[in-house]
Amino acid sequence: LKLQFLYFIGGRGGDLKKKKKKEMSEKRDRVSKVGLPKMVGVPEWCVEETVAGSSKAGAGTAVVMQVVVVDAQSRVDEMPETRKVNFTLDPSALEVALNGMNKIKEQLAASSA
């Protein structure tokens, strides 16, 4: 499972901002039609030492996370499957993910104000 963070960085000028909002709206529409899994929890995480050769960066520390996701419902008469997804983040990947999440948080706060 590859995690991607989609967020909008507002541009300068009204026309550019409107264009970007429209593009993001179209992306959201496409994503909602695909039926992506929904994260329902982060039950476990830990920081571990990695062994040289087990990652691109070599030896060092990494965060190991287990996220619980529910698949998109494809049939009305069936409950979607819940599954656990494990992944690792090295410090630089964790920094990128946190920066992206903070930008999303700022956008949500601005849109609800």
N, C-alpha and C. Protein backbone atom coordinates (compact mmCIF):
# COMPACT_ATOMS: atom_id res chain seq x y z
N LEU A 1 0.85 -1.18 0.00
CA LEU A 1 0.00 0.00 0.00
C LEU A 1 0.89 1.23 0.00
N LYS A 2 0.69 2.08 -0.95
CA LYS A 2 1.48 3.30 -1.04
C LYS A 2 0.63 4.44 -0.55
N LEU A 3 1.11 5.16 0.46
CA LEU A 3 0.36 6.28 1.00
C LEU A 3 0.71 7.54 0.24
N GLN A 4 -0.29 8.29 -0.13
CA GLN A 4 -0.08 9.54 -0.82
C GLN A 4 -0.87 10.61 -0.10
N PHE A 5 -0.28 11.78 0.01
CA PHE A 5 -0.95 12.90 0.64
C PHE A 5 -1.25 13.92 -0.44
N LEU A 6 -2.53 14.14 -0.69
CA LEU A 6 -2.96 15.14 -1.66
C LEU A 6 -3.35 16.37 -0.88
N TYR A 7 -2.75 17.48 -1.20
CA TYR A 7 -3.13 18.72 -0.55
C TYR A 7 -2.97 19.87 -1.53
N PHE A 8 -3.66 20.96 -1.23
CA PHE A 8 -3.65 22.13 -2.09
C PHE A 8 -2.84 23.22 -1.44
N ILE A 9 -1.91 23.79 -2.18
CA ILE A 9 -1.17 24.94 -1.72
C ILE A 9 -1.71 26.13 -2.50
N GLY A 10 -2.34 27.04 -1.80
CA GLY A 10 -2.99 28.18 -2.45
C GLY A 10 -2.00 29.03 -3.22
N GLY A 11 -2.39 29.41 -4.42
CA GLY A 11 -1.54 30.27 -5.24
C GLY A 11 -1.86 31.72 -5.04
N ARG A 12 -1.10 32.58 -5.65
CA ARG A 12 -1.33 34.02 -5.57
C ARG A 12 -2.26 34.41 -6.70
N GLY A 13 -3.16 35.31 -6.40
CA GLY A 13 -4.07 35.78 -7.44
C GLY A 13 -5.34 34.97 -7.46
N GLY A 14 -6.45 35.62 -7.70
CA GLY A 14 -7.76 34.97 -7.67
C GLY A 14 -7.95 33.89 -8.72
N ASP A 15 -7.55 34.16 -9.99
CA ASP A 15 -7.78 33.19 -11.06
C ASP A 15 -7.00 31.91 -10.82
N LEU A 16 -5.74 32.04 -10.41
CA LEU A 16 -4.92 30.87 -10.15
C LEU A 16 -5.49 30.05 -9.01
N LYS A 17 -5.93 30.73 -7.97
CA LYS A 17 -6.50 30.04 -6.82
C LYS A 17 -7.78 29.30 -7.20
N LYS A 18 -8.64 29.93 -8.00
CA LYS A 18 -9.87 29.28 -8.46
C LYS A 18 -9.56 28.06 -9.31
N LYS A 19 -8.56 28.20 -10.19
CA LYS A 19 -8.17 27.10 -11.06
C LYS A 19 -7.68 25.91 -10.23
N LYS A 20 -6.84 26.19 -9.24
CA LYS A 20 -6.30 25.12 -8.39
C LYS A 20 -7.42 24.46 -7.58
N LYS A 21 -8.35 25.26 -7.06
CA LYS A 21 -9.47 24.68 -6.30
C LYS A 21 -10.30 23.77 -7.19
N LYS A 22 -10.52 24.20 -8.44
CA LYS A 22 -11.30 23.38 -9.37
C LYS A 22 -10.57 22.08 -9.66
N GLU A 23 -9.25 22.15 -9.88
CA GLU A 23 -8.46 20.95 -10.14
C GLU A 23 -8.52 19.99 -8.95
N MET A 24 -8.41 20.53 -7.72
CA MET A 24 -8.46 19.67 -6.54
C MET A 24 -9.85 19.06 -6.38
N SER A 25 -10.89 19.82 -6.71
CA SER A 25 -12.25 19.30 -6.63
C SER A 25 -12.42 18.13 -7.60
N GLU A 26 -11.88 18.28 -8.80
CA GLU A 26 -11.95 17.19 -9.78
C GLU A 26 -11.18 15.97 -9.29
N LYS A 27 -10.01 16.17 -8.67
CA LYS A 27 -9.23 15.05 -8.13
C LYS A 27 -10.02 14.34 -7.04
N ARG A 28 -10.65 15.12 -6.14
CA ARG A 28 -11.45 14.51 -5.07
C ARG A 28 -12.58 13.68 -5.65
N ASP A 29 -13.23 14.20 -6.70
CA ASP A 29 -14.32 13.45 -7.34
C ASP A 29 -13.81 12.14 -7.91
N ARG A 30 -12.66 12.16 -8.57
CA ARG A 30 -12.09 10.93 -9.13
C ARG A 30 -11.73 9.96 -8.02
N VAL A 31 -11.12 10.45 -6.94
CA VAL A 31 -10.71 9.59 -5.83
C VAL A 31 -11.93 8.97 -5.17
N SER A 32 -13.01 9.74 -4.97
CA SER A 32 -14.18 9.19 -4.30
C SER A 32 -14.86 8.12 -5.14
N LYS A 33 -14.75 8.20 -6.46
CA LYS A 33 -15.35 7.18 -7.33
C LYS A 33 -14.55 5.88 -7.28
N VAL A 34 -13.25 5.97 -7.01
CA VAL A 34 -12.41 4.79 -6.96
C VAL A 34 -12.74 3.95 -5.73
N GLY A 35 -13.09 4.57 -4.63
CA GLY A 35 -13.41 3.84 -3.41
C GLY A 35 -12.17 3.42 -2.66
N LEU A 36 -11.41 4.39 -2.20
CA LEU A 36 -10.18 4.10 -1.45
C LEU A 36 -10.51 3.57 -0.06
N PRO A 37 -9.58 2.79 0.52
CA PRO A 37 -9.80 2.33 1.89
C PRO A 37 -9.84 3.52 2.85
N LYS A 38 -10.54 3.35 3.97
CA LYS A 38 -10.64 4.40 4.98
C LYS A 38 -9.85 3.97 6.21
N MET A 39 -8.97 4.86 6.68
CA MET A 39 -8.20 4.55 7.87
C MET A 39 -9.11 4.66 9.08
N VAL A 40 -9.14 3.63 9.91
CA VAL A 40 -9.99 3.63 11.08
C VAL A 40 -9.20 3.58 12.38
N GLY A 41 -7.88 3.51 12.29
CA GLY A 41 -7.09 3.54 13.51
C GLY A 41 -5.62 3.29 13.27
N VAL A 42 -4.83 3.76 14.21
CA VAL A 42 -3.39 3.49 14.22
C VAL A 42 -3.12 2.78 15.55
N PRO A 43 -3.32 1.46 15.57
CA PRO A 43 -3.24 0.76 16.85
C PRO A 43 -1.83 0.61 17.42
N GLU A 44 -0.82 0.56 16.56
CA GLU A 44 0.53 0.32 17.06
C GLU A 44 1.56 1.09 16.27
N TRP A 45 2.60 1.51 16.95
CA TRP A 45 3.75 2.08 16.29
C TRP A 45 4.95 1.91 17.22
N CYS A 46 6.13 1.85 16.66
CA CYS A 46 7.34 1.77 17.47
C CYS A 46 8.52 2.30 16.65
N VAL A 47 9.57 2.68 17.35
CA VAL A 47 10.80 3.13 16.71
C VAL A 47 11.79 1.98 16.80
N GLU A 48 12.36 1.60 15.66
CA GLU A 48 13.29 0.48 15.63
C GLU A 48 14.58 0.86 14.95
N GLU A 49 15.61 0.16 15.31
CA GLU A 49 16.89 0.29 14.61
C GLU A 49 16.83 -0.60 13.38
N THR A 50 17.24 -0.07 12.22
CA THR A 50 17.26 -0.88 11.01
C THR A 50 18.67 -1.39 10.77
N VAL A 51 18.76 -2.48 10.05
CA VAL A 51 20.03 -3.11 9.74
C VAL A 51 20.52 -2.59 8.39
N ALA A 52 21.81 -2.41 8.24
CA ALA A 52 22.36 -1.96 6.96
C ALA A 52 21.94 -2.92 5.86
N GLY A 53 21.49 -2.39 4.75
CA GLY A 53 21.07 -3.21 3.62
C GLY A 53 19.59 -3.51 3.61
N SER A 54 18.89 -3.25 4.73
CA SER A 54 17.45 -3.53 4.76
C SER A 54 16.62 -2.37 4.24
N SER A 55 17.28 -1.22 4.04
CA SER A 55 16.58 -0.07 3.48
C SER A 55 17.54 0.70 2.59
N LYS A 56 17.01 1.63 1.82
CA LYS A 56 17.85 2.42 0.91
C LYS A 56 18.86 3.26 1.67
N ALA A 57 18.46 3.73 2.87
CA ALA A 57 19.32 4.63 3.62
C ALA A 57 20.38 3.89 4.42
N GLY A 58 20.31 2.56 4.50
CA GLY A 58 21.26 1.81 5.30
C GLY A 58 20.79 1.73 6.73
N ALA A 59 21.76 1.55 7.66
CA ALA A 59 21.41 1.40 9.07
C ALA A 59 20.94 2.74 9.64
N GLY A 60 20.07 2.66 10.63
CA GLY A 60 19.55 3.86 11.28
C GLY A 60 18.27 3.54 12.00
N THR A 61 17.48 4.56 12.27
CA THR A 61 16.21 4.34 12.95
C THR A 61 15.06 4.52 11.97
N ALA A 62 13.96 3.87 12.28
CA ALA A 62 12.75 3.98 11.46
C ALA A 62 11.54 3.79 12.36
N VAL A 63 10.43 4.37 11.94
CA VAL A 63 9.16 4.18 12.64
C VAL A 63 8.42 3.06 11.92
N VAL A 64 7.97 2.08 12.68
CA VAL A 64 7.17 0.99 12.14
C VAL A 64 5.74 1.23 12.62
N MET A 65 4.81 1.32 11.67
CA MET A 65 3.42 1.59 12.01
C MET A 65 2.52 0.48 11.49
N GLN A 66 1.45 0.25 12.24
CA GLN A 66 0.41 -0.67 11.79
C GLN A 66 -0.90 0.12 11.78
N VAL A 67 -1.48 0.29 10.60
CA VAL A 67 -2.70 1.08 10.43
C VAL A 67 -3.84 0.13 10.11
N VAL A 68 -5.00 0.36 10.73
CA VAL A 68 -6.19 -0.43 10.46
C VAL A 68 -7.02 0.33 9.43
N VAL A 69 -7.33 -0.33 8.30
CA VAL A 69 -8.13 0.28 7.25
C VAL A 69 -9.34 -0.59 6.94
N VAL A 70 -10.40 0.08 6.48
CA VAL A 70 -11.61 -0.62 6.03
C VAL A 70 -11.72 -0.38 4.54
N ASP A 71 -11.84 -1.45 3.78
CA ASP A 71 -11.99 -1.32 2.33
C ASP A 71 -13.30 -0.61 2.01
N ALA A 72 -13.35 0.00 0.84
CA ALA A 72 -14.58 0.66 0.39
C ALA A 72 -15.67 -0.40 0.21
N GLN A 73 -16.87 -0.03 0.56
CA GLN A 73 -17.99 -0.96 0.42
C GLN A 73 -18.35 -1.10 -1.04
N SER A 74 -18.31 -2.32 -1.55
CA SER A 74 -18.60 -2.55 -2.96
C SER A 74 -19.99 -3.13 -3.17
N ARG A 75 -20.56 -3.75 -2.12
CA ARG A 75 -21.90 -4.32 -2.22
C ARG A 75 -22.71 -3.90 -1.01
N VAL A 76 -23.98 -3.65 -1.23
CA VAL A 76 -24.86 -3.21 -0.15
C VAL A 76 -25.06 -4.32 0.88
N ASP A 77 -25.10 -5.57 0.44
CA ASP A 77 -25.39 -6.68 1.33
C ASP A 77 -24.16 -7.27 2.01
N GLU A 78 -22.98 -6.67 1.84
CA GLU A 78 -21.75 -7.19 2.44
C GLU A 78 -21.01 -6.09 3.19
N MET A 79 -20.49 -6.44 4.36
CA MET A 79 -19.67 -5.50 5.12
C MET A 79 -18.27 -5.47 4.50
N PRO A 80 -17.67 -4.29 4.39
CA PRO A 80 -16.32 -4.22 3.83
C PRO A 80 -15.30 -4.86 4.78
N GLU A 81 -14.22 -5.33 4.21
CA GLU A 81 -13.18 -6.02 4.96
C GLU A 81 -12.32 -5.01 5.73
N THR A 82 -11.99 -5.34 6.98
CA THR A 82 -11.05 -4.57 7.78
C THR A 82 -9.72 -5.31 7.76
N ARG A 83 -8.65 -4.56 7.53
CA ARG A 83 -7.33 -5.21 7.50
C ARG A 83 -6.28 -4.31 8.12
N LYS A 84 -5.17 -4.91 8.50
CA LYS A 84 -4.05 -4.18 9.09
C LYS A 84 -2.95 -4.05 8.05
N VAL A 85 -2.42 -2.84 7.93
CA VAL A 85 -1.35 -2.56 6.97
C VAL A 85 -0.13 -2.11 7.75
N ASN A 86 0.99 -2.78 7.55
CA ASN A 86 2.25 -2.42 8.21
C ASN A 86 3.15 -1.68 7.24
N PHE A 87 3.81 -0.63 7.71
CA PHE A 87 4.78 0.08 6.88
C PHE A 87 5.82 0.75 7.77
N THR A 88 6.93 1.12 7.16
CA THR A 88 8.00 1.80 7.88
C THR A 88 8.25 3.17 7.26
N LEU A 89 8.70 4.08 8.09
CA LEU A 89 9.08 5.42 7.65
C LEU A 89 10.45 5.75 8.25
N ASP A 90 11.40 6.11 7.40
CA ASP A 90 12.67 6.60 7.93
C ASP A 90 12.45 8.05 8.37
N PRO A 91 13.40 8.65 9.08
CA PRO A 91 13.18 10.02 9.59
C PRO A 91 12.82 11.04 8.51
N SER A 92 13.43 10.97 7.34
CA SER A 92 13.12 11.95 6.30
C SER A 92 11.71 11.72 5.73
N ALA A 93 11.29 10.47 5.56
CA ALA A 93 9.94 10.18 5.07
C ALA A 93 8.91 10.59 6.12
N LEU A 94 9.22 10.40 7.39
CA LEU A 94 8.31 10.81 8.45
C LEU A 94 8.16 12.33 8.45
N GLU A 95 9.24 13.05 8.24
CA GLU A 95 9.19 14.52 8.18
C GLU A 95 8.31 14.99 7.02
N VAL A 96 8.44 14.37 5.86
CA VAL A 96 7.61 14.72 4.70
C VAL A 96 6.13 14.45 5.00
N ALA A 97 5.85 13.29 5.60
CA ALA A 97 4.47 12.94 5.92
C ALA A 97 3.88 13.92 6.94
N LEU A 98 4.63 14.27 7.95
CA LEU A 98 4.14 15.20 8.97
C LEU A 98 3.92 16.60 8.39
N ASN A 99 4.83 17.05 7.54
CA ASN A 99 4.64 18.36 6.89
C ASN A 99 3.37 18.37 6.05
N GLY A 100 3.14 17.31 5.30
CA GLY A 100 1.93 17.20 4.49
C GLY A 100 0.68 17.18 5.35
N MET A 101 0.71 16.44 6.44
CA MET A 101 -0.44 16.37 7.34
C MET A 101 -0.71 17.72 8.00
N ASN A 102 0.35 18.44 8.35
CA ASN A 102 0.17 19.77 8.94
C ASN A 102 -0.46 20.73 7.95
N LYS A 103 -0.09 20.65 6.68
CA LYS A 103 -0.70 21.50 5.66
C LYS A 103 -2.18 21.15 5.49
N ILE A 104 -2.49 19.87 5.54
CA ILE A 104 -3.89 19.44 5.46
C ILE A 104 -4.65 19.97 6.66
N LYS A 105 -4.07 19.88 7.84
CA LYS A 105 -4.70 20.37 9.07
C LYS A 105 -4.98 21.88 8.96
N GLU A 106 -4.02 22.64 8.45
CA GLU A 106 -4.20 24.08 8.29
C GLU A 106 -5.34 24.38 7.31
N GLN A 107 -5.40 23.63 6.21
CA GLN A 107 -6.47 23.84 5.22
C GLN A 107 -7.84 23.54 5.81
N LEU A 108 -7.94 22.44 6.55
CA LEU A 108 -9.21 22.09 7.16
C LEU A 108 -9.65 23.14 8.16
N ALA A 109 -8.70 23.66 8.94
CA ALA A 109 -9.02 24.70 9.92
C ALA A 109 -9.48 25.97 9.20
N ALA A 110 -8.83 26.32 8.10
CA ALA A 110 -9.19 27.53 7.36
C ALA A 110 -10.55 27.37 6.69
N SER A 111 -10.86 26.18 6.21
CA SER A 111 -12.13 25.99 5.51
C SER A 111 -13.31 25.90 6.47
N SER A 112 -13.07 25.54 7.72
CA SER A 112 -14.16 25.45 8.68
C SER A 112 -14.36 26.75 9.45
N ALA A 113 -13.46 27.71 9.25
CA ALA A 113 -13.57 28.99 9.97
C ALA A 113 -14.58 29.92 9.33
